[in-house]
Each structure stands twice: as C-alpha cells, then as structure tokens.
Amino acid sequence: MKLNDLPTVYTVNDLLDHLKGRLGRGKLMQHLSQVPEFDGGPTHRRWSNRIVFYPEDITRLLSSLECPSKSSNATTRRTWRVLKTSWY
C-alpha cells in the first residue's frame, strides 16, 4: 500500500476551519455525542482520544445537522405541518 492510497482523514479543527464559524466546537461536540450514527453509518470515528472524520462521515454529519430524523436516533425532532389553503 502506498501513502497516496491511504484515505483522507480530517480532524475536528479541520472541520471547524472549513465551516468558518457556522458551528462552534461545543455545539459540534454535543452533536457528536448525541448522534454517533446517522443514515446507517458513523458521523465520526475515534482514534485513541482523537475524533477524526472520513469524507463520507462528514457528509453524514452535515446531513444530521440539517434535519434530525428517525434515522438519527434523536429523542425529539421538529415536525412541520403544511396547512392546505385555497387561494383561488
């Protein structure tokens, strides 16, 4: 296996730098502890005491932040009701 064949791995700091202040460290860490898995896969990985992310983990993590759903094991979720109105 060559060094170029290794997967890209990101740290918490890498992710926070990429999000540029849209999400704070505290909120991210709280979310990671509450939602370790989403949509059938992990939102992050642990290497010893470090939290790391593969690119596919980041995709799942961002999806889990957008809209909590049944697949996220969230205890509460927001629901929206659409009112049917007649405008004609």
PDB file of N, CA and C in Angstrom:
ATOM      1  N   MET A   1       0.850  -1.180   0.000  1.00  0.00           N
ATOM      2  CA  MET A   1       0.000   0.000   0.000  1.00  0.00           C
ATOM      3  C   MET A   1       0.886   1.230   0.000  1.00  0.00           C
ATOM      4  N   LYS A   2       0.594   2.130  -0.898  1.00  0.00           N
ATOM      5  CA  LYS A   2       1.347   3.374  -0.998  1.00  0.00           C
ATOM      6  C   LYS A   2       0.710   4.445  -0.125  1.00  0.00           C
ATOM      7  N   LEU A   3       1.502   5.428   0.191  1.00  0.00           N
ATOM      8  CA  LEU A   3       1.000   6.528   1.015  1.00  0.00           C
ATOM      9  C   LEU A   3      -0.169   7.240   0.332  1.00  0.00           C
ATOM     10  N   ASN A   4      -0.142   7.343  -0.998  1.00  0.00           N
ATOM     11  CA  ASN A   4      -1.226   8.003  -1.732  1.00  0.00           C
ATOM     12  C   ASN A   4      -2.521   7.202  -1.693  1.00  0.00           C
ATOM     13  N   ASP A   5      -2.445   5.906  -1.361  1.00  0.00           N
ATOM     14  CA  ASP A   5      -3.626   5.056  -1.305  1.00  0.00           C
ATOM     15  C   ASP A   5      -4.386   5.186   0.014  1.00  0.00           C
ATOM     16  N   LEU A   6      -3.792   5.838   0.996  1.00  0.00           N
ATOM     17  CA  LEU A   6      -4.440   5.997   2.291  1.00  0.00           C
ATOM     18  C   LEU A   6      -5.610   6.981   2.178  1.00  0.00           C
ATOM     19  N   PRO A   7      -6.687   6.737   2.924  1.00  0.00           N
ATOM     20  CA  PRO A   7      -7.832   7.656   2.855  1.00  0.00           C
ATOM     21  C   PRO A   7      -7.504   8.995   3.502  1.00  0.00           C
ATOM     22  N   THR A   8      -8.192  10.023   3.040  1.00  0.00           N
ATOM     23  CA  THR A   8      -8.052  11.348   3.636  1.00  0.00           C
ATOM     24  C   THR A   8      -8.794  11.361   4.963  1.00  0.00           C
ATOM     25  N   VAL A   9      -8.139  11.875   5.982  1.00  0.00           N
ATOM     26  CA  VAL A   9      -8.722  11.923   7.317  1.00  0.00           C
ATOM     27  C   VAL A   9      -8.656  13.371   7.802  1.00  0.00           C
ATOM     28  N   TYR A  10      -9.777  13.839   8.367  1.00  0.00           N
ATOM     29  CA  TYR A  10      -9.862  15.207   8.870  1.00  0.00           C
ATOM     30  C   TYR A  10     -10.050  15.185  10.377  1.00  0.00           C
ATOM     31  N   THR A  11      -9.551  16.223  11.040  1.00  0.00           N
ATOM     32  CA  THR A  11      -9.706  16.361  12.484  1.00  0.00           C
ATOM     33  C   THR A  11     -10.853  17.332  12.785  1.00  0.00           C
ATOM     34  N   VAL A  12     -11.182  17.469  14.046  1.00  0.00           N
ATOM     35  CA  VAL A  12     -12.217  18.421  14.465  1.00  0.00           C
ATOM     36  C   VAL A  12     -11.820  19.832  14.040  1.00  0.00           C
ATOM     37  N   ASN A  13     -10.552  20.189  14.240  1.00  0.00           N
ATOM     38  CA  ASN A  13     -10.092  21.531  13.851  1.00  0.00           C
ATOM     39  C   ASN A  13     -10.220  21.752  12.350  1.00  0.00           C
ATOM     40  N   ASP A  14      -9.896  20.732  11.549  1.00  0.00           N
ATOM     41  CA  ASP A  14     -10.058  20.849  10.091  1.00  0.00           C
ATOM     42  C   ASP A  14     -11.509  21.138   9.733  1.00  0.00           C
ATOM     43  N   LEU A  15     -12.414  20.410  10.373  1.00  0.00           N
ATOM     44  CA  LEU A  15     -13.839  20.583  10.087  1.00  0.00           C
ATOM     45  C   LEU A  15     -14.320  21.967  10.509  1.00  0.00           C
ATOM     46  N   LEU A  16     -13.925  22.405  11.698  1.00  0.00           N
ATOM     47  CA  LEU A  16     -14.337  23.729  12.178  1.00  0.00           C
ATOM     48  C   LEU A  16     -13.778  24.842  11.291  1.00  0.00           C
ATOM     49  N   ASP A  17     -12.536  24.679  10.817  1.00  0.00           N
ATOM     50  CA  ASP A  17     -11.951  25.660   9.896  1.00  0.00           C
ATOM     51  C   ASP A  17     -12.752  25.724   8.599  1.00  0.00           C
ATOM     52  N   HIS A  18     -13.170  24.572   8.119  1.00  0.00           N
ATOM     53  CA  HIS A  18     -13.945  24.534   6.873  1.00  0.00           C
ATOM     54  C   HIS A  18     -15.320  25.175   7.057  1.00  0.00           C
ATOM     55  N   LEU A  19     -15.938  24.997   8.214  1.00  0.00           N
ATOM     56  CA  LEU A  19     -17.264  25.561   8.465  1.00  0.00           C
ATOM     57  C   LEU A  19     -17.213  27.056   8.789  1.00  0.00           C
ATOM     58  N   LYS A  20     -16.049  27.581   9.085  1.00  0.00           N
ATOM     59  CA  LYS A  20     -15.799  29.013   9.275  1.00  0.00           C
ATOM     60  C   LYS A  20     -16.796  29.714  10.187  1.00  0.00           C
ATOM     61  N   GLY A  21     -16.938  29.223  11.400  1.00  0.00           N
ATOM     62  CA  GLY A  21     -17.763  29.895  12.393  1.00  0.00           C
ATOM     63  C   GLY A  21     -19.247  29.590  12.329  1.00  0.00           C
ATOM     64  N   ARG A  22     -19.684  28.769  11.392  1.00  0.00           N
ATOM     65  CA  ARG A  22     -21.101  28.425  11.316  1.00  0.00           C
ATOM     66  C   ARG A  22     -21.523  27.481  12.432  1.00  0.00           C
ATOM     67  N   LEU A  23     -20.548  26.776  12.981  1.00  0.00           N
ATOM     68  CA  LEU A  23     -20.810  25.814  14.049  1.00  0.00           C
ATOM     69  C   LEU A  23     -19.645  25.881  15.022  1.00  0.00           C
ATOM     70  N   GLY A  24     -19.939  26.034  16.302  1.00  0.00           N
ATOM     71  CA  GLY A  24     -18.894  26.121  17.306  1.00  0.00           C
ATOM     72  C   GLY A  24     -18.448  24.746  17.781  1.00  0.00           C
ATOM     73  N   ARG A  25     -17.300  24.715  18.440  1.00  0.00           N
ATOM     74  CA  ARG A  25     -16.751  23.457  18.942  1.00  0.00           C
ATOM     75  C   ARG A  25     -17.694  22.788  19.940  1.00  0.00           C
ATOM     76  N   GLY A  26     -18.261  23.564  20.846  1.00  0.00           N
ATOM     77  CA  GLY A  26     -19.155  22.996  21.850  1.00  0.00           C
ATOM     78  C   GLY A  26     -20.389  22.353  21.237  1.00  0.00           C
ATOM     79  N   LYS A  27     -21.010  23.050  20.298  1.00  0.00           N
ATOM     80  CA  LYS A  27     -22.194  22.518  19.631  1.00  0.00           C
ATOM     81  C   LYS A  27     -21.835  21.270  18.819  1.00  0.00           C
ATOM     82  N   LEU A  28     -20.687  21.280  18.153  1.00  0.00           N
ATOM     83  CA  LEU A  28     -20.250  20.115  17.378  1.00  0.00           C
ATOM     84  C   LEU A  28     -20.025  18.915  18.291  1.00  0.00           C
ATOM     85  N   MET A  29     -19.315  19.119  19.391  1.00  0.00           N
ATOM     86  CA  MET A  29     -19.020  18.013  20.303  1.00  0.00           C
ATOM     87  C   MET A  29     -20.304  17.463  20.931  1.00  0.00           C
ATOM     88  N   GLN A  30     -21.238  18.342  21.271  1.00  0.00           N
ATOM     89  CA  GLN A  30     -22.517  17.905  21.819  1.00  0.00           C
ATOM     90  C   GLN A  30     -23.273  17.073  20.783  1.00  0.00           C
ATOM     91  N   HIS A  31     -23.275  17.534  19.547  1.00  0.00           N
ATOM     92  CA  HIS A  31     -23.978  16.815  18.484  1.00  0.00           C
ATOM     93  C   HIS A  31     -23.335  15.445  18.236  1.00  0.00           C
ATOM     94  N   LEU A  32     -22.017  15.386  18.241  1.00  0.00           N
ATOM     95  CA  LEU A  32     -21.329  14.116  18.016  1.00  0.00           C
ATOM     96  C   LEU A  32     -21.651  13.104  19.116  1.00  0.00           C
ATOM     97  N   SER A  33     -21.776  13.572  20.351  1.00  0.00           N
ATOM     98  CA  SER A  33     -22.100  12.645  21.431  1.00  0.00           C
ATOM     99  C   SER A  33     -23.556  12.188  21.354  1.00  0.00           C
ATOM    100  N   GLN A  34     -24.434  13.047  20.859  1.00  0.00           N
ATOM    101  CA  GLN A  34     -25.848  12.700  20.755  1.00  0.00           C
ATOM    102  C   GLN A  34     -26.173  11.896  19.503  1.00  0.00           C
ATOM    103  N   VAL A  35     -25.412  12.101  18.436  1.00  0.00           N
ATOM    104  CA  VAL A  35     -25.694  11.451  17.152  1.00  0.00           C
ATOM    105  C   VAL A  35     -24.416  10.774  16.629  1.00  0.00           C
ATOM    106  N   PRO A  36     -24.027   9.644  17.220  1.00  0.00           N
ATOM    107  CA  PRO A  36     -22.811   8.970  16.742  1.00  0.00           C
ATOM    108  C   PRO A  36     -23.000   8.295  15.390  1.00  0.00           C
ATOM    109  N   GLU A  37     -24.256   7.995  15.029  1.00  0.00           N
ATOM    110  CA  GLU A  37     -24.552   7.373  13.731  1.00  0.00           C
ATOM    111  C   GLU A  37     -25.727   8.090  13.095  1.00  0.00           C
ATOM    112  N   PHE A  38     -25.710   8.119  11.772  1.00  0.00           N
ATOM    113  CA  PHE A  38     -26.806   8.725  11.030  1.00  0.00           C
ATOM    114  C   PHE A  38     -26.878   8.063   9.670  1.00  0.00           C
ATOM    115  N   ASP A  39     -28.067   7.756   9.242  1.00  0.00           N
ATOM    116  CA  ASP A  39     -28.304   7.198   7.909  1.00  0.00           C
ATOM    117  C   ASP A  39     -27.474   5.940   7.652  1.00  0.00           C
ATOM    118  N   GLY A  40     -27.372   5.098   8.668  1.00  0.00           N
ATOM    119  CA  GLY A  40     -26.715   3.812   8.510  1.00  0.00           C
ATOM    120  C   GLY A  40     -25.205   3.804   8.617  1.00  0.00           C
ATOM    121  N   GLY A  41     -24.602   4.912   9.040  1.00  0.00           N
ATOM    122  CA  GLY A  41     -23.142   4.945   9.164  1.00  0.00           C
ATOM    123  C   GLY A  41     -22.704   5.913  10.243  1.00  0.00           C
ATOM    124  N   PRO A  42     -21.418   5.893  10.583  1.00  0.00           N
ATOM    125  CA  PRO A  42     -20.920   6.772  11.648  1.00  0.00           C
ATOM    126  C   PRO A  42     -20.812   8.223  11.194  1.00  0.00           C
ATOM    127  N   THR A  43     -20.986   9.139  12.137  1.00  0.00           N
ATOM    128  CA  THR A  43     -20.767  10.557  11.847  1.00  0.00           C
ATOM    129  C   THR A  43     -19.330  10.959  12.151  1.00  0.00           C
ATOM    130  N   HIS A  44     -18.602  10.087  12.835  1.00  0.00           N
ATOM    131  CA  HIS A  44     -17.205  10.351  13.172  1.00  0.00           C
ATOM    132  C   HIS A  44     -16.561   9.041  13.630  1.00  0.00           C
ATOM    133  N   ARG A  45     -15.259   9.070  13.831  1.00  0.00           N
ATOM    134  CA  ARG A  45     -14.520   7.905  14.333  1.00  0.00           C
ATOM    135  C   ARG A  45     -13.607   8.363  15.463  1.00  0.00           C
ATOM    136  N   ARG A  46     -13.252   7.439  16.305  1.00  0.00           N
ATOM    137  CA  ARG A  46     -12.308   7.735  17.400  1.00  0.00           C
ATOM    138  C   ARG A  46     -11.020   6.964  17.177  1.00  0.00           C
ATOM    139  N   TRP A  47      -9.934   7.676  17.194  1.00  0.00           N
ATOM    140  CA  TRP A  47      -8.608   7.074  17.196  1.00  0.00           C
ATOM    141  C   TRP A  47      -7.976   7.487  18.509  1.00  0.00           C
ATOM    142  N   SER A  48      -7.923   6.570  19.444  1.00  0.00           N
ATOM    143  CA  SER A  48      -7.441   6.849  20.792  1.00  0.00           C
ATOM    144  C   SER A  48      -8.330   7.947  21.387  1.00  0.00           C
ATOM    145  N   ASN A  49      -7.776   9.091  21.711  1.00  0.00           N
ATOM    146  CA  ASN A  49      -8.595  10.167  22.282  1.00  0.00           C
ATOM    147  C   ASN A  49      -8.925  11.242  21.244  1.00  0.00           C
ATOM    148  N   ARG A  50      -8.641  10.977  19.983  1.00  0.00           N
ATOM    149  CA  ARG A  50      -8.904  11.947  18.917  1.00  0.00           C
ATOM    150  C   ARG A  50     -10.151  11.567  18.132  1.00  0.00           C
ATOM    151  N   ILE A  51     -10.890  12.572  17.721  1.00  0.00           N
ATOM    152  CA  ILE A  51     -12.039  12.368  16.843  1.00  0.00           C
ATOM    153  C   ILE A  51     -11.594  12.719  15.437  1.00  0.00           C
ATOM    154  N   VAL A  52     -11.834  11.799  14.509  1.00  0.00           N
ATOM    155  CA  VAL A  52     -11.462  12.029  13.117  1.00  0.00           C
ATOM    156  C   VAL A  52     -12.666  11.754  12.217  1.00  0.00           C
ATOM    157  N   PHE A  53     -12.575  12.273  11.004  1.00  0.00           N
ATOM    158  CA  PHE A  53     -13.659  12.145  10.045  1.00  0.00           C
ATOM    159  C   PHE A  53     -13.102  11.707   8.696  1.00  0.00           C
ATOM    160  N   TYR A  54     -13.750  10.734   8.080  1.00  0.00           N
ATOM    161  CA  TYR A  54     -13.515  10.420   6.673  1.00  0.00           C
ATOM    162  C   TYR A  54     -14.481  11.298   5.878  1.00  0.00           C
ATOM    163  N   PRO A  55     -14.218  11.531   4.594  1.00  0.00           N
ATOM    164  CA  PRO A  55     -15.123  12.377   3.806  1.00  0.00           C
ATOM    165  C   PRO A  55     -16.587  11.920   3.865  1.00  0.00           C
ATOM    166  N   GLU A  56     -16.837  10.605   3.816  1.00  0.00           N
ATOM    167  CA  GLU A  56     -18.229  10.129   3.882  1.00  0.00           C
ATOM    168  C   GLU A  56     -18.845  10.370   5.259  1.00  0.00           C
ATOM    169  N   ASP A  57     -18.026  10.415   6.312  1.00  0.00           N
ATOM    170  CA  ASP A  57     -18.525  10.742   7.654  1.00  0.00           C
ATOM    171  C   ASP A  57     -19.001  12.190   7.698  1.00  0.00           C
ATOM    172  N   ILE A  58     -18.251  13.069   7.051  1.00  0.00           N
ATOM    173  CA  ILE A  58     -18.603  14.489   7.043  1.00  0.00           C
ATOM    174  C   ILE A  58     -19.929  14.701   6.322  1.00  0.00           C
ATOM    175  N   THR A  59     -20.143  13.968   5.244  1.00  0.00           N
ATOM    176  CA  THR A  59     -21.409  14.062   4.521  1.00  0.00           C
ATOM    177  C   THR A  59     -22.579  13.664   5.427  1.00  0.00           C
ATOM    178  N   ARG A  60     -22.413  12.555   6.143  1.00  0.00           N
ATOM    179  CA  ARG A  60     -23.472  12.116   7.070  1.00  0.00           C
ATOM    180  C   ARG A  60     -23.641  13.108   8.214  1.00  0.00           C
ATOM    181  N   LEU A  61     -22.541  13.625   8.733  1.00  0.00           N
ATOM    182  CA  LEU A  61     -22.604  14.587   9.834  1.00  0.00           C
ATOM    183  C   LEU A  61     -23.367  15.836   9.424  1.00  0.00           C
ATOM    184  N   LEU A  62     -23.047  16.395   8.268  1.00  0.00           N
ATOM    185  CA  LEU A  62     -23.728  17.601   7.815  1.00  0.00           C
ATOM    186  C   LEU A  62     -25.211  17.335   7.564  1.00  0.00           C
ATOM    187  N   SER A  63     -25.538  16.163   7.053  1.00  0.00           N
ATOM    188  CA  SER A  63     -26.951  15.805   6.860  1.00  0.00           C
ATOM    189  C   SER A  63     -27.671  15.701   8.198  1.00  0.00           C
ATOM    190  N   SER A  64     -26.994  15.152   9.193  1.00  0.00           N
ATOM    191  CA  SER A  64     -27.629  15.003  10.510  1.00  0.00           C
ATOM    192  C   SER A  64     -27.826  16.355  11.189  1.00  0.00           C
ATOM    193  N   LEU A  65     -26.988  17.325  10.868  1.00  0.00           N
ATOM    194  CA  LEU A  65     -27.151  18.666  11.429  1.00  0.00           C
ATOM    195  C   LEU A  65     -28.300  19.408  10.771  1.00  0.00           C
ATOM    196  N   GLU A  66     -28.539  19.131   9.500  1.00  0.00           N
ATOM    197  CA  GLU A  66     -29.581  19.841   8.758  1.00  0.00           C
ATOM    198  C   GLU A  66     -30.973  19.525   9.273  1.00  0.00           C
ATOM    199  N   CYS A  67     -31.261  18.250   9.472  1.00  0.00           N
ATOM    200  CA  CYS A  67     -32.625  17.877   9.811  1.00  0.00           C
ATOM    201  C   CYS A  67     -32.635  16.591  10.615  1.00  0.00           C
ATOM    202  N   PRO A  68     -32.832  16.659  11.917  1.00  0.00           N
ATOM    203  CA  PRO A  68     -32.932  15.430  12.690  1.00  0.00           C
ATOM    204  C   PRO A  68     -34.115  14.588  12.203  1.00  0.00           C
ATOM    205  N   SER A  69     -33.908  13.290  12.084  1.00  0.00           N
ATOM    206  CA  SER A  69     -34.969  12.411  11.617  1.00  0.00           C
ATOM    207  C   SER A  69     -34.987  11.134  12.426  1.00  0.00           C
ATOM    208  N   LYS A  70     -35.855  10.212  12.062  1.00  0.00           N
ATOM    209  CA  LYS A  70     -35.949   8.952  12.765  1.00  0.00           C
ATOM    210  C   LYS A  70     -34.645   8.161  12.686  1.00  0.00           C
ATOM    211  N   SER A  71     -33.907   8.302  11.584  1.00  0.00           N
ATOM    212  CA  SER A  71     -32.690   7.518  11.424  1.00  0.00           C
ATOM    213  C   SER A  71     -31.529   8.034  12.265  1.00  0.00           C
ATOM    214  N   SER A  72     -31.690   9.196  12.901  1.00  0.00           N
ATOM    215  CA  SER A  72     -30.602   9.762  13.690  1.00  0.00           C
ATOM    216  C   SER A  72     -30.663   9.374  15.159  1.00  0.00           C
ATOM    217  N   ASN A  73     -31.660   8.599  15.572  1.00  0.00           N
ATOM    218  CA  ASN A  73     -31.856   8.236  16.971  1.00  0.00           C
ATOM    219  C   ASN A  73     -32.087   9.455  17.850  1.00  0.00           C
ATOM    220  N   ALA A  74     -32.566  10.539  17.270  1.00  0.00           N
ATOM    221  CA  ALA A  74     -32.829  11.755  18.037  1.00  0.00           C
ATOM    222  C   ALA A  74     -34.037  11.525  18.947  1.00  0.00           C
ATOM    223  N   THR A  75     -33.966  12.068  20.160  1.00  0.00           N
ATOM    224  CA  THR A  75     -35.061  11.883  21.099  1.00  0.00           C
ATOM    225  C   THR A  75     -36.241  12.774  20.739  1.00  0.00           C
ATOM    226  N   THR A  76     -35.952  13.937  20.190  1.00  0.00           N
ATOM    227  CA  THR A  76     -37.024  14.821  19.735  1.00  0.00           C
ATOM    228  C   THR A  76     -36.694  15.269  18.331  1.00  0.00           C
ATOM    229  N   ARG A  77     -37.716  15.575  17.586  1.00  0.00           N
ATOM    230  CA  ARG A  77     -37.479  16.078  16.253  1.00  0.00           C
ATOM    231  C   ARG A  77     -38.516  17.132  15.927  1.00  0.00           C
ATOM    232  N   ARG A  78     -38.139  18.049  15.089  1.00  0.00           N
ATOM    233  CA  ARG A  78     -39.057  19.089  14.671  1.00  0.00           C
ATOM    234  C   ARG A  78     -39.927  18.546  13.543  1.00  0.00           C
ATOM    235  N   THR A  79     -41.173  18.867  13.621  1.00  0.00           N
ATOM    236  CA  THR A  79     -42.072  18.489  12.540  1.00  0.00           C
ATOM    237  C   THR A  79     -42.772  19.738  12.051  1.00  0.00           C
ATOM    238  N   TRP A  80     -43.054  19.775  10.788  1.00  0.00           N
ATOM    239  CA  TRP A  80     -43.716  20.921  10.183  1.00  0.00           C
ATOM    240  C   TRP A  80     -45.035  20.462   9.605  1.00  0.00           C
ATOM    241  N   ARG A  81     -46.069  21.221   9.893  1.00  0.00           N
ATOM    242  CA  ARG A  81     -47.374  20.922   9.325  1.00  0.00           C
ATOM    243  C   ARG A  81     -47.631  21.876   8.175  1.00  0.00           C
ATOM    244  N   VAL A  82     -48.101  21.345   7.109  1.00  0.00           N
ATOM    245  CA  VAL A  82     -48.459  22.177   5.971  1.00  0.00           C
ATOM    246  C   VAL A  82     -49.966  22.358   5.995  1.00  0.00           C
ATOM    247  N   LEU A  83     -50.384  23.594   6.050  1.00  0.00           N
ATOM    248  CA  LEU A  83     -51.806  23.889   6.057  1.00  0.00           C
ATOM    249  C   LEU A  83     -52.293  24.006   4.621  1.00  0.00           C
ATOM    250  N   LYS A  84     -53.337  23.289   4.318  1.00  0.00           N
ATOM    251  CA  LYS A  84     -53.905  23.364   2.982  1.00  0.00           C
ATOM    252  C   LYS A  84     -54.845  24.555   2.933  1.00  0.00           C
ATOM    253  N   THR A  85     -54.545  25.458   2.053  1.00  0.00           N
ATOM    254  CA  THR A  85     -55.392  26.619   1.891  1.00  0.00           C
ATOM    255  C   THR A  85     -55.767  26.752   0.429  1.00  0.00           C
ATOM    256  N   SER A  86     -56.873  27.342   0.195  1.00  0.00           N
ATOM    257  CA  SER A  86     -57.329  27.543  -1.167  1.00  0.00           C
ATOM    258  C   SER A  86     -57.113  29.020  -1.517  1.00  0.00           C
ATOM    259  N   TRP A  87     -56.340  29.281  -2.538  1.00  0.00           N
ATOM    260  CA  TRP A  87     -56.052  30.647  -2.944  1.00  0.00           C
ATOM    261  C   TRP A  87     -56.804  31.023  -4.199  1.00  0.00           C
ATOM    262  N   TYR A  88     -57.675  30.200  -4.690  1.00  0.00           N
ATOM    263  CA  TYR A  88     -58.404  30.529  -5.919  1.00  0.00           C
ATOM    264  C   TYR A  88     -59.881  30.613  -5.694  1.00  0.00           C
TER     265      TYR A  88
END
